[in-house]
Structures are given as structure tokens and as C-alpha cells.
């Protein structure tokens, strides 16, 4: 069974963006030792159109499939990119888009949990990258096997939470913890089942 990994950046207080989802204030931390380490370890999480700019020219190490929500996908569409992760199989959960703007992007209007279960059951040595955002993470919370949380040294006070889900405690086991010189902390958690 393949893993679904929520690989996400957030603030110290657990927000992935401001109330509208804008996370550009975090961009100032995407540099130096931290960025070099993340790009080397998770090269497939760098969008195809940004790989050259970041000097990423590596095979996929952890994921061969990406699932993201409509709002996350819109960030790419806004700059004219219709397949932001063309080096992965791309799935976008959306009810507002009715036709995919790119042959590599499959739209999922209904049955997201079932479709993700099908993807997890596929035979592949690589896993599935849950790119975001809050709503889709909340909908898929029971399917998430691993969290890789990149905590940036900022506090928002309010904003878009990591999970748009109702209250229900779910346990994860802490694995690796890495601290970087720019104040970013990267923690890996595995789902306790």
C-alpha cells in the first residue's frame, strides 16, 4: 500500500496561509541551507516550471503522484501554468473546473476519498504527495499516512489552518526533526493506526 504524505509549510501557530490562503510572507525563508536540503531530499515537490531556477535536476525520490485542491492549483493557473508538476501524475480535486486544461491533470469532482484509496492501492515504490490545501487535507485526513511539516518562524494569529476538518483527535508518531539556521523546523510524523 502506497503512502499519502501531506508535505506542507505552516507558521508556528499552524496556519498554511492568511485567511484567504496567501502564504507569500513565508517565502523569505525558502533559501540557504534549508532550501538546499529540501530540494535535495524532496526534488519532486519543486514545481516543474521552477526546477531550473532552483537548480533541481533529480529523479523523483519519494512521490510519483500529486493530489491538490482547486485553490492550490489556481496559483499555477494564475501564472499560465496548466501542469505545475508535470514530472508527476497530477490530480486536482475540484467541482468548479469541468474540463482539464492539461492532459497530465486529472480532475476529481466527486469521490475524492475513493479515488485516493485507488491510488494508494496501485503498485508503485513511490508514494503520493498531498500538496494542499486545508479543505482537501480535511477531507483526506483519515487517508493521510505521513506528515512532513515545515514550520516557518512566523505567527499569523489567524488564517487558513493545516486541516479544514472538525474536531477529532488523531494520533501521529514523531520521527525525524531537523532545525535549520534560518529558524525553519521540519518534523516528520507517521500515522498511528
N, C-alpha and C. Protein backbone atom coordinates (compact mmCIF):
# COMPACT_ATOMS: atom_id res chain seq x y z
N UNK A 1 0.85 -1.19 0.00
CA UNK A 1 0.00 0.00 0.00
C UNK A 1 0.89 1.24 0.00
N UNK A 2 0.61 2.15 -0.92
CA UNK A 2 1.38 3.39 -1.01
C UNK A 2 0.94 4.37 0.07
N UNK A 3 1.88 5.24 0.47
CA UNK A 3 1.59 6.25 1.49
C UNK A 3 1.08 7.53 0.86
N UNK A 4 0.15 8.16 1.57
CA UNK A 4 -0.26 9.53 1.25
C UNK A 4 0.43 10.43 2.26
N UNK A 5 1.27 11.33 1.76
CA UNK A 5 2.07 12.22 2.60
C UNK A 5 1.63 13.66 2.40
N UNK A 6 1.25 14.28 3.50
CA UNK A 6 0.92 15.71 3.48
C UNK A 6 2.20 16.46 3.79
N UNK A 7 2.81 17.03 2.75
CA UNK A 7 4.07 17.76 2.82
C UNK A 7 3.69 19.23 2.75
N UNK A 8 3.80 19.93 3.88
CA UNK A 8 3.18 21.24 3.98
C UNK A 8 4.04 22.23 4.78
N UNK A 9 3.97 23.49 4.40
CA UNK A 9 4.61 24.57 5.14
C UNK A 9 3.55 25.27 5.98
N UNK A 10 3.93 25.65 7.19
CA UNK A 10 2.99 26.36 8.05
C UNK A 10 3.73 27.30 9.00
N UNK A 11 2.96 28.12 9.67
CA UNK A 11 3.51 29.01 10.69
C UNK A 11 3.63 28.25 12.01
N UNK A 12 4.25 28.87 12.99
CA UNK A 12 4.38 28.27 14.32
C UNK A 12 3.01 27.92 14.88
N UNK A 13 2.01 28.76 14.60
CA UNK A 13 0.67 28.52 15.13
C UNK A 13 -0.21 27.70 14.18
N UNK A 14 0.40 27.02 13.21
CA UNK A 14 -0.30 26.02 12.41
C UNK A 14 -1.11 26.50 11.23
N UNK A 15 -0.84 27.70 10.72
CA UNK A 15 -1.58 28.20 9.57
C UNK A 15 -0.75 28.05 8.29
N UNK A 16 -1.41 27.63 7.21
CA UNK A 16 -0.72 27.46 5.93
C UNK A 16 -0.87 28.69 5.03
N UNK A 17 -1.59 29.65 5.50
CA UNK A 17 -1.78 30.89 4.77
C UNK A 17 -2.61 31.84 5.60
N UNK A 18 -2.75 33.07 5.10
CA UNK A 18 -3.60 34.03 5.78
C UNK A 18 -5.06 33.60 5.59
N UNK A 19 -6.04 34.37 6.08
CA UNK A 19 -7.44 33.92 5.95
C UNK A 19 -7.88 33.63 4.51
N UNK A 20 -7.22 34.24 3.51
CA UNK A 20 -7.54 33.96 2.11
C UNK A 20 -6.63 32.89 1.51
N UNK A 21 -5.66 32.40 2.30
CA UNK A 21 -4.76 31.35 1.82
C UNK A 21 -3.43 31.83 1.31
N UNK A 22 -3.17 33.14 1.36
CA UNK A 22 -1.91 33.69 0.87
C UNK A 22 -0.79 33.38 1.86
N UNK A 23 0.27 32.75 1.37
CA UNK A 23 1.41 32.39 2.23
C UNK A 23 2.70 33.06 1.77
N UNK A 24 2.60 34.14 1.00
CA UNK A 24 3.80 34.76 0.46
C UNK A 24 4.73 35.31 1.53
N UNK A 25 4.23 35.60 2.71
CA UNK A 25 5.12 36.10 3.78
C UNK A 25 6.13 35.04 4.20
N UNK A 26 5.84 33.77 3.91
CA UNK A 26 6.75 32.68 4.28
C UNK A 26 7.89 32.51 3.27
N UNK A 27 7.74 33.09 2.09
CA UNK A 27 8.71 32.87 1.03
C UNK A 27 10.13 33.31 1.42
N UNK A 28 10.24 34.27 2.30
CA UNK A 28 11.58 34.76 2.67
C UNK A 28 12.42 33.70 3.38
N UNK A 29 11.78 32.60 3.80
CA UNK A 29 12.52 31.52 4.46
C UNK A 29 12.92 30.40 3.50
N UNK A 30 12.53 30.50 2.24
CA UNK A 30 12.84 29.45 1.27
C UNK A 30 14.17 29.73 0.59
N UNK A 31 15.25 29.57 1.38
CA UNK A 31 16.58 29.84 0.87
C UNK A 31 17.62 29.09 1.69
N UNK A 32 18.87 29.26 1.32
CA UNK A 32 20.01 28.76 2.09
C UNK A 32 20.03 27.27 2.34
N UNK A 33 20.58 26.91 3.48
CA UNK A 33 20.76 25.51 3.87
C UNK A 33 19.43 24.75 3.86
N UNK A 34 18.39 25.39 4.36
CA UNK A 34 17.07 24.76 4.41
C UNK A 34 16.58 24.39 3.01
N UNK A 35 16.59 25.34 2.09
CA UNK A 35 16.06 25.08 0.76
C UNK A 35 16.90 24.05 0.03
N UNK A 36 18.21 24.11 0.19
CA UNK A 36 19.09 23.14 -0.45
C UNK A 36 18.78 21.73 0.05
N UNK A 37 18.56 21.60 1.36
CA UNK A 37 18.25 20.29 1.93
C UNK A 37 16.90 19.76 1.45
N UNK A 38 15.88 20.61 1.41
CA UNK A 38 14.55 20.17 0.97
C UNK A 38 14.55 19.81 -0.52
N UNK A 39 15.23 20.63 -1.33
CA UNK A 39 15.28 20.35 -2.76
C UNK A 39 16.05 19.07 -3.07
N UNK A 40 17.07 18.77 -2.26
CA UNK A 40 17.83 17.53 -2.46
C UNK A 40 17.04 16.31 -2.00
N UNK A 41 16.35 16.44 -0.88
CA UNK A 41 15.61 15.30 -0.32
C UNK A 41 14.26 15.07 -1.01
N UNK A 42 13.58 16.15 -1.38
CA UNK A 42 12.25 16.06 -1.98
C UNK A 42 12.21 16.84 -3.31
N UNK A 43 13.03 16.45 -4.29
CA UNK A 43 13.09 17.23 -5.53
C UNK A 43 11.76 17.29 -6.28
N UNK A 44 10.96 16.25 -6.13
CA UNK A 44 9.69 16.20 -6.86
C UNK A 44 8.66 17.20 -6.35
N UNK A 45 8.90 17.81 -5.18
CA UNK A 45 7.96 18.80 -4.65
C UNK A 45 8.21 20.20 -5.21
N UNK A 46 9.25 20.34 -6.00
CA UNK A 46 9.53 21.62 -6.67
C UNK A 46 8.76 21.62 -7.99
N UNK A 47 7.90 22.61 -8.20
CA UNK A 47 7.13 22.65 -9.44
C UNK A 47 8.04 22.59 -10.68
N UNK A 48 7.55 21.95 -11.71
CA UNK A 48 8.33 21.75 -12.94
C UNK A 48 8.87 23.06 -13.48
N UNK A 49 8.04 24.10 -13.50
CA UNK A 49 8.45 25.38 -14.07
C UNK A 49 9.49 26.11 -13.21
N UNK A 50 9.71 25.67 -11.97
CA UNK A 50 10.67 26.32 -11.07
C UNK A 50 11.94 25.49 -10.85
N UNK A 51 11.97 24.28 -11.39
CA UNK A 51 13.11 23.39 -11.13
C UNK A 51 14.44 23.96 -11.62
N UNK A 52 14.45 24.52 -12.81
CA UNK A 52 15.70 25.08 -13.34
C UNK A 52 16.15 26.26 -12.48
N UNK A 53 15.21 27.12 -12.11
CA UNK A 53 15.53 28.30 -11.29
C UNK A 53 16.18 27.88 -9.96
N UNK A 54 15.69 26.78 -9.37
CA UNK A 54 16.23 26.30 -8.10
C UNK A 54 17.36 25.30 -8.27
N UNK A 55 17.76 25.02 -9.50
CA UNK A 55 18.86 24.09 -9.75
C UNK A 55 18.51 22.65 -9.42
N UNK A 56 17.24 22.29 -9.58
CA UNK A 56 16.79 20.93 -9.27
C UNK A 56 16.72 20.14 -10.57
N UNK A 57 17.56 19.12 -10.65
CA UNK A 57 17.57 18.22 -11.81
C UNK A 57 17.80 16.82 -11.27
N UNK A 58 16.76 16.28 -10.64
CA UNK A 58 16.89 14.99 -9.97
C UNK A 58 15.65 14.14 -10.22
N UNK A 59 15.83 12.85 -10.13
CA UNK A 59 14.71 11.91 -10.25
C UNK A 59 13.81 12.05 -9.02
N UNK A 60 12.56 11.65 -9.19
CA UNK A 60 11.63 11.62 -8.06
C UNK A 60 12.14 10.62 -7.03
N UNK A 61 12.19 11.02 -5.78
CA UNK A 61 12.72 10.15 -4.71
C UNK A 61 11.63 9.53 -3.86
N UNK A 62 10.54 10.27 -3.62
CA UNK A 62 9.51 9.81 -2.69
C UNK A 62 8.13 9.66 -3.33
N UNK A 63 7.83 10.49 -4.32
CA UNK A 63 6.47 10.55 -4.87
C UNK A 63 6.48 10.45 -6.39
N UNK A 64 5.42 9.83 -6.93
CA UNK A 64 5.22 9.84 -8.38
C UNK A 64 3.84 10.40 -8.74
N UNK A 65 3.06 10.75 -7.70
CA UNK A 65 1.69 11.21 -7.88
C UNK A 65 1.45 12.39 -6.94
N UNK A 66 0.66 13.36 -7.42
CA UNK A 66 0.34 14.53 -6.62
C UNK A 66 -1.18 14.72 -6.59
N UNK A 67 -1.69 15.06 -5.42
CA UNK A 67 -3.10 15.41 -5.25
C UNK A 67 -3.14 16.79 -4.62
N UNK A 68 -3.94 17.67 -5.21
CA UNK A 68 -4.08 19.00 -4.64
C UNK A 68 -5.50 19.51 -4.86
N UNK A 69 -5.84 20.53 -4.11
CA UNK A 69 -7.15 21.15 -4.23
C UNK A 69 -7.17 22.23 -5.29
N UNK A 70 -8.33 22.71 -5.58
CA UNK A 70 -8.53 23.71 -6.62
C UNK A 70 -7.81 25.01 -6.31
N UNK A 71 -7.86 25.45 -5.05
CA UNK A 71 -7.22 26.72 -4.69
C UNK A 71 -5.71 26.64 -4.86
N UNK A 72 -5.10 25.52 -4.48
CA UNK A 72 -3.66 25.35 -4.67
C UNK A 72 -3.32 25.34 -6.16
N UNK A 73 -4.13 24.64 -6.94
CA UNK A 73 -3.92 24.56 -8.39
C UNK A 73 -4.07 25.94 -9.04
N UNK A 74 -4.97 26.75 -8.52
CA UNK A 74 -5.21 28.07 -9.09
C UNK A 74 -3.96 28.94 -9.08
N UNK A 75 -3.08 28.76 -8.09
CA UNK A 75 -1.84 29.53 -8.04
C UNK A 75 -1.03 29.34 -9.32
N UNK A 76 -1.01 28.12 -9.84
CA UNK A 76 -0.30 27.85 -11.10
C UNK A 76 -1.06 28.43 -12.28
N UNK A 77 -2.37 28.22 -12.30
CA UNK A 77 -3.17 28.74 -13.41
C UNK A 77 -3.03 30.26 -13.53
N UNK A 78 -2.92 30.93 -12.39
CA UNK A 78 -2.80 32.39 -12.38
C UNK A 78 -1.54 32.89 -13.10
N UNK A 79 -0.51 32.04 -13.19
CA UNK A 79 0.71 32.43 -13.90
C UNK A 79 0.84 31.71 -15.24
N UNK A 80 -0.28 31.11 -15.69
CA UNK A 80 -0.31 30.48 -17.01
C UNK A 80 0.27 29.08 -17.07
N UNK A 81 0.43 28.43 -15.92
CA UNK A 81 0.97 27.07 -15.88
C UNK A 81 -0.19 26.10 -15.65
N UNK A 82 -0.42 25.22 -16.61
CA UNK A 82 -1.56 24.30 -16.51
C UNK A 82 -1.19 22.93 -15.95
N UNK A 83 0.09 22.62 -15.91
CA UNK A 83 0.57 21.37 -15.30
C UNK A 83 1.79 21.70 -14.44
N UNK A 84 1.56 22.22 -13.23
CA UNK A 84 2.68 22.69 -12.41
C UNK A 84 3.64 21.59 -11.96
N UNK A 85 3.17 20.36 -11.92
CA UNK A 85 4.03 19.24 -11.52
C UNK A 85 4.02 18.20 -12.64
N UNK A 86 4.42 18.62 -13.82
CA UNK A 86 4.36 17.76 -15.00
C UNK A 86 5.25 16.52 -14.88
N UNK A 87 6.17 16.52 -13.93
CA UNK A 87 7.04 15.37 -13.69
C UNK A 87 6.37 14.34 -12.77
N UNK A 88 5.12 14.60 -12.35
CA UNK A 88 4.32 13.69 -11.53
C UNK A 88 2.97 13.49 -12.21
N UNK A 89 2.24 12.46 -11.82
CA UNK A 89 0.83 12.36 -12.21
C UNK A 89 0.08 13.34 -11.33
N UNK A 90 -0.74 14.18 -11.92
CA UNK A 90 -1.43 15.24 -11.17
C UNK A 90 -2.93 15.01 -11.11
N UNK A 91 -3.46 15.17 -9.90
CA UNK A 91 -4.89 15.08 -9.66
C UNK A 91 -5.32 16.35 -8.93
N UNK A 92 -6.40 16.96 -9.39
CA UNK A 92 -6.91 18.18 -8.77
C UNK A 92 -8.35 17.93 -8.36
N UNK A 93 -8.62 18.11 -7.06
CA UNK A 93 -9.99 17.99 -6.55
C UNK A 93 -10.70 19.30 -6.80
N UNK A 94 -11.73 19.26 -7.63
CA UNK A 94 -12.45 20.48 -7.98
C UNK A 94 -13.85 20.16 -8.47
N UNK A 95 -14.77 21.02 -8.12
CA UNK A 95 -16.11 20.95 -8.69
C UNK A 95 -16.35 22.13 -9.63
N UNK A 96 -15.45 23.13 -9.56
CA UNK A 96 -15.64 24.32 -10.38
C UNK A 96 -15.03 24.19 -11.77
N UNK A 97 -13.96 23.43 -11.91
CA UNK A 97 -13.40 23.17 -13.24
C UNK A 97 -14.09 21.93 -13.80
N UNK A 98 -14.57 22.00 -15.00
CA UNK A 98 -15.27 20.85 -15.58
C UNK A 98 -14.45 20.16 -16.66
N UNK A 99 -13.41 20.84 -17.14
CA UNK A 99 -12.55 20.25 -18.16
C UNK A 99 -11.10 20.56 -17.81
N UNK A 100 -10.25 19.54 -17.85
CA UNK A 100 -8.85 19.73 -17.51
C UNK A 100 -8.16 20.59 -18.57
N UNK A 101 -7.36 21.57 -18.12
CA UNK A 101 -6.64 22.41 -19.08
C UNK A 101 -5.35 21.76 -19.59
N UNK A 102 -5.02 20.56 -19.09
CA UNK A 102 -3.79 19.88 -19.49
C UNK A 102 -3.99 18.37 -19.44
N UNK A 103 -3.45 17.63 -20.41
CA UNK A 103 -3.65 16.17 -20.43
C UNK A 103 -3.03 15.44 -19.22
N UNK A 104 -2.06 16.05 -18.54
CA UNK A 104 -1.45 15.40 -17.38
C UNK A 104 -2.24 15.63 -16.10
N UNK A 105 -3.25 16.47 -16.15
CA UNK A 105 -4.02 16.83 -14.95
C UNK A 105 -5.41 16.17 -15.02
N UNK A 106 -5.65 15.27 -14.07
CA UNK A 106 -6.97 14.64 -13.97
C UNK A 106 -7.77 15.35 -12.89
N UNK A 107 -8.99 15.73 -13.25
CA UNK A 107 -9.86 16.40 -12.30
C UNK A 107 -10.71 15.38 -11.55
N UNK A 108 -10.89 15.60 -10.26
CA UNK A 108 -11.74 14.75 -9.43
C UNK A 108 -12.85 15.62 -8.87
N UNK A 109 -14.06 15.44 -9.36
CA UNK A 109 -15.19 16.25 -8.91
C UNK A 109 -15.87 15.63 -7.70
N UNK A 110 -15.99 14.34 -7.68
CA UNK A 110 -16.66 13.62 -6.60
C UNK A 110 -15.87 12.35 -6.27
N UNK A 111 -16.10 11.82 -5.09
CA UNK A 111 -15.46 10.56 -4.72
C UNK A 111 -13.97 10.67 -4.49
N UNK A 112 -13.53 11.80 -3.93
CA UNK A 112 -12.10 12.03 -3.72
C UNK A 112 -11.47 10.94 -2.85
N UNK A 113 -12.10 10.61 -1.74
CA UNK A 113 -11.53 9.60 -0.84
C UNK A 113 -11.39 8.27 -1.56
N UNK A 114 -12.40 7.87 -2.30
CA UNK A 114 -12.34 6.62 -3.04
C UNK A 114 -11.23 6.62 -4.08
N UNK A 115 -11.08 7.75 -4.79
CA UNK A 115 -10.03 7.84 -5.81
C UNK A 115 -8.65 7.78 -5.17
N UNK A 116 -8.47 8.43 -4.03
CA UNK A 116 -7.18 8.38 -3.34
C UNK A 116 -6.91 6.96 -2.85
N UNK A 117 -7.92 6.27 -2.38
CA UNK A 117 -7.73 4.87 -1.97
C UNK A 117 -7.28 4.01 -3.15
N UNK A 118 -7.83 4.27 -4.33
CA UNK A 118 -7.40 3.55 -5.54
C UNK A 118 -5.94 3.85 -5.83
N UNK A 119 -5.55 5.11 -5.74
CA UNK A 119 -4.16 5.49 -5.99
C UNK A 119 -3.22 4.83 -4.98
N UNK A 120 -3.65 4.77 -3.72
CA UNK A 120 -2.81 4.15 -2.68
C UNK A 120 -2.66 2.65 -2.93
N UNK A 121 -3.64 2.02 -3.56
CA UNK A 121 -3.60 0.58 -3.81
C UNK A 121 -2.77 0.22 -5.05
N UNK A 122 -2.36 1.19 -5.83
CA UNK A 122 -1.55 0.92 -7.01
C UNK A 122 -0.19 0.34 -6.62
N UNK A 123 0.39 -0.40 -7.54
CA UNK A 123 1.70 -1.00 -7.32
C UNK A 123 2.77 -0.02 -7.78
N UNK A 124 3.42 0.61 -6.84
CA UNK A 124 4.49 1.56 -7.14
C UNK A 124 5.38 1.69 -5.91
N UNK A 125 6.69 1.83 -6.12
CA UNK A 125 7.58 2.02 -4.97
C UNK A 125 7.51 3.45 -4.40
N UNK A 126 6.87 4.36 -5.14
CA UNK A 126 6.79 5.76 -4.71
C UNK A 126 5.39 6.09 -4.22
N UNK A 127 5.31 7.08 -3.35
CA UNK A 127 4.06 7.45 -2.71
C UNK A 127 3.34 8.59 -3.40
N UNK A 128 2.38 9.15 -2.66
CA UNK A 128 1.50 10.20 -3.15
C UNK A 128 1.73 11.46 -2.32
N UNK A 129 1.95 12.56 -2.99
CA UNK A 129 2.21 13.86 -2.37
C UNK A 129 0.90 14.65 -2.31
N UNK A 130 0.43 14.89 -1.09
CA UNK A 130 -0.72 15.76 -0.88
C UNK A 130 -0.17 17.18 -0.75
N UNK A 131 -0.44 17.99 -1.75
CA UNK A 131 0.14 19.33 -1.85
C UNK A 131 -0.67 20.36 -1.06
N UNK A 132 -1.92 20.14 -0.89
CA UNK A 132 -2.76 21.10 -0.17
C UNK A 132 -4.03 21.31 -0.94
N UNK A 133 -4.83 22.07 -0.33
CA UNK A 133 -4.72 22.87 0.87
C UNK A 133 -5.58 22.34 1.99
N UNK A 134 -6.06 23.27 2.77
CA UNK A 134 -6.75 22.99 4.02
C UNK A 134 -8.00 22.14 3.84
N UNK A 135 -8.83 22.47 2.88
CA UNK A 135 -10.09 21.75 2.68
C UNK A 135 -9.85 20.32 2.25
N UNK A 136 -8.97 20.12 1.28
CA UNK A 136 -8.70 18.77 0.80
C UNK A 136 -7.99 17.94 1.87
N UNK A 137 -7.10 18.57 2.65
CA UNK A 137 -6.44 17.85 3.74
C UNK A 137 -7.46 17.41 4.78
N UNK A 138 -8.44 18.26 5.05
CA UNK A 138 -9.51 17.89 5.98
C UNK A 138 -10.34 16.73 5.45
N UNK A 139 -10.62 16.75 4.16
CA UNK A 139 -11.41 15.68 3.56
C UNK A 139 -10.65 14.35 3.54
N UNK A 140 -9.33 14.43 3.39
CA UNK A 140 -8.50 13.22 3.28
C UNK A 140 -7.80 12.85 4.58
N UNK A 141 -8.15 13.48 5.68
CA UNK A 141 -7.41 13.30 6.92
C UNK A 141 -7.28 11.83 7.34
N UNK A 142 -8.29 11.03 7.11
CA UNK A 142 -8.21 9.62 7.50
C UNK A 142 -7.31 8.81 6.59
N UNK A 143 -7.00 9.33 5.42
CA UNK A 143 -6.14 8.63 4.45
C UNK A 143 -4.67 9.03 4.58
N UNK A 144 -4.37 10.08 5.33
CA UNK A 144 -3.00 10.57 5.45
C UNK A 144 -2.19 9.64 6.34
N UNK A 145 -1.08 9.15 5.77
CA UNK A 145 -0.20 8.21 6.48
C UNK A 145 1.02 8.89 7.08
N UNK A 146 1.39 10.03 6.52
CA UNK A 146 2.61 10.71 6.96
C UNK A 146 2.43 12.21 6.83
N UNK A 147 2.99 12.93 7.78
CA UNK A 147 3.03 14.39 7.74
C UNK A 147 4.49 14.83 7.69
N UNK A 148 4.81 15.71 6.78
CA UNK A 148 6.10 16.38 6.78
C UNK A 148 5.76 17.86 6.90
N UNK A 149 5.99 18.39 8.09
CA UNK A 149 5.56 19.75 8.41
C UNK A 149 6.79 20.65 8.48
N UNK A 150 6.83 21.61 7.58
CA UNK A 150 7.90 22.60 7.54
C UNK A 150 7.38 23.83 8.26
N UNK A 151 7.81 24.03 9.51
CA UNK A 151 7.31 25.13 10.33
C UNK A 151 8.23 26.34 10.18
N UNK A 152 7.66 27.43 9.68
CA UNK A 152 8.41 28.65 9.47
C UNK A 152 8.27 29.54 10.70
N UNK A 153 9.32 30.29 11.05
CA UNK A 153 9.30 31.08 12.29
C UNK A 153 8.47 32.36 12.17
N UNK A 154 7.17 32.16 11.99
CA UNK A 154 6.21 33.26 11.94
C UNK A 154 4.96 32.84 12.71
N UNK A 155 4.26 33.82 13.24
CA UNK A 155 2.96 33.60 13.88
C UNK A 155 1.96 34.47 13.14
N UNK A 156 0.85 33.87 12.71
CA UNK A 156 -0.19 34.63 12.00
C UNK A 156 -1.30 35.10 12.94
N UNK A 157 -1.61 34.31 13.95
CA UNK A 157 -2.71 34.67 14.84
C UNK A 157 -4.04 34.13 14.35
N UNK A 158 -4.25 34.20 13.06
CA UNK A 158 -5.44 33.62 12.42
C UNK A 158 -5.08 33.36 10.97
N UNK A 159 -5.86 32.53 10.32
CA UNK A 159 -5.59 32.24 8.93
C UNK A 159 -6.18 30.92 8.51
N UNK A 160 -5.62 30.34 7.45
CA UNK A 160 -6.08 29.06 6.93
C UNK A 160 -5.36 27.94 7.69
N UNK A 161 -6.10 27.08 8.38
CA UNK A 161 -5.47 26.01 9.16
C UNK A 161 -4.91 24.90 8.26
N UNK A 162 -4.04 24.09 8.82
CA UNK A 162 -3.49 22.96 8.06
C UNK A 162 -4.59 22.00 7.63
N UNK A 163 -5.59 21.82 8.48
CA UNK A 163 -6.69 20.90 8.19
C UNK A 163 -8.02 21.62 8.36
N UNK A 164 -8.81 21.63 7.31
CA UNK A 164 -10.17 22.16 7.39
C UNK A 164 -11.10 21.01 7.75
N UNK A 165 -11.01 20.57 8.99
CA UNK A 165 -11.81 19.42 9.45
C UNK A 165 -12.36 19.72 10.83
N UNK A 166 -13.41 19.00 11.20
CA UNK A 166 -13.98 19.14 12.52
C UNK A 166 -13.07 18.54 13.58
N UNK A 167 -13.40 18.81 14.83
CA UNK A 167 -12.58 18.34 15.94
C UNK A 167 -12.70 16.82 16.10
N UNK A 168 -11.56 16.16 16.09
CA UNK A 168 -11.45 14.74 16.42
C UNK A 168 -9.96 14.44 16.57
N UNK A 169 -9.50 14.08 17.76
CA UNK A 169 -8.08 13.78 17.94
C UNK A 169 -7.64 12.59 17.08
N UNK A 170 -6.50 12.75 16.44
CA UNK A 170 -5.88 11.69 15.64
C UNK A 170 -4.41 11.67 16.01
N UNK A 171 -3.87 10.49 16.27
CA UNK A 171 -2.51 10.37 16.78
C UNK A 171 -1.50 10.07 15.69
N UNK A 172 -0.37 10.74 15.80
CA UNK A 172 0.77 10.53 14.92
C UNK A 172 2.01 10.33 15.79
N UNK A 173 2.97 9.58 15.27
CA UNK A 173 4.22 9.33 15.99
C UNK A 173 5.32 10.17 15.37
N UNK A 174 6.05 10.90 16.23
CA UNK A 174 7.13 11.76 15.77
C UNK A 174 8.30 10.92 15.30
N UNK A 175 8.82 11.26 14.12
CA UNK A 175 10.01 10.62 13.58
C UNK A 175 11.15 11.62 13.60
N UNK A 176 11.59 12.00 12.43
CA UNK A 176 12.73 12.90 12.27
C UNK A 176 12.36 14.35 12.59
N UNK A 177 13.32 15.07 13.20
CA UNK A 177 13.19 16.50 13.45
C UNK A 177 14.48 17.16 13.00
N UNK A 178 14.35 18.18 12.16
CA UNK A 178 15.53 18.90 11.68
C UNK A 178 15.32 20.40 11.87
N UNK A 179 16.32 21.06 12.42
CA UNK A 179 16.29 22.51 12.60
C UNK A 179 17.32 23.14 11.66
N UNK A 180 16.96 24.27 11.08
CA UNK A 180 17.85 24.95 10.13
C UNK A 180 18.22 26.33 10.64
N UNK A 181 19.31 26.85 10.09
CA UNK A 181 19.86 28.12 10.57
C UNK A 181 18.95 29.32 10.34
N UNK A 182 17.95 29.21 9.48
CA UNK A 182 17.02 30.32 9.25
C UNK A 182 15.78 30.23 10.15
N UNK A 183 15.79 29.28 11.08
CA UNK A 183 14.69 29.15 12.03
C UNK A 183 13.61 28.17 11.63
N UNK A 184 13.71 27.57 10.44
CA UNK A 184 12.72 26.60 9.98
C UNK A 184 12.95 25.27 10.68
N UNK A 185 11.87 24.65 11.09
CA UNK A 185 11.89 23.34 11.74
C UNK A 185 11.10 22.38 10.87
N UNK A 186 11.68 21.23 10.52
CA UNK A 186 11.00 20.24 9.70
C UNK A 186 10.81 18.98 10.55
N UNK A 187 9.53 18.62 10.72
CA UNK A 187 9.18 17.43 11.51
C UNK A 187 8.45 16.42 10.63
N UNK A 188 8.76 15.15 10.85
CA UNK A 188 8.10 14.07 10.14
C UNK A 188 7.33 13.23 11.14
N UNK A 189 6.07 12.98 10.84
CA UNK A 189 5.20 12.19 11.69
C UNK A 189 4.60 11.03 10.90
N UNK A 190 4.42 9.90 11.53
CA UNK A 190 3.77 8.75 10.93
C UNK A 190 2.46 8.51 11.66
N UNK A 191 1.42 8.20 10.90
CA UNK A 191 0.10 7.97 11.47
C UNK A 191 0.09 6.71 12.33
N UNK A 192 -0.45 6.82 13.54
CA UNK A 192 -0.65 5.67 14.40
C UNK A 192 -1.99 5.08 14.05
N UNK A 193 -2.01 3.84 13.63
CA UNK A 193 -3.27 3.20 13.24
C UNK A 193 -3.57 2.02 14.13
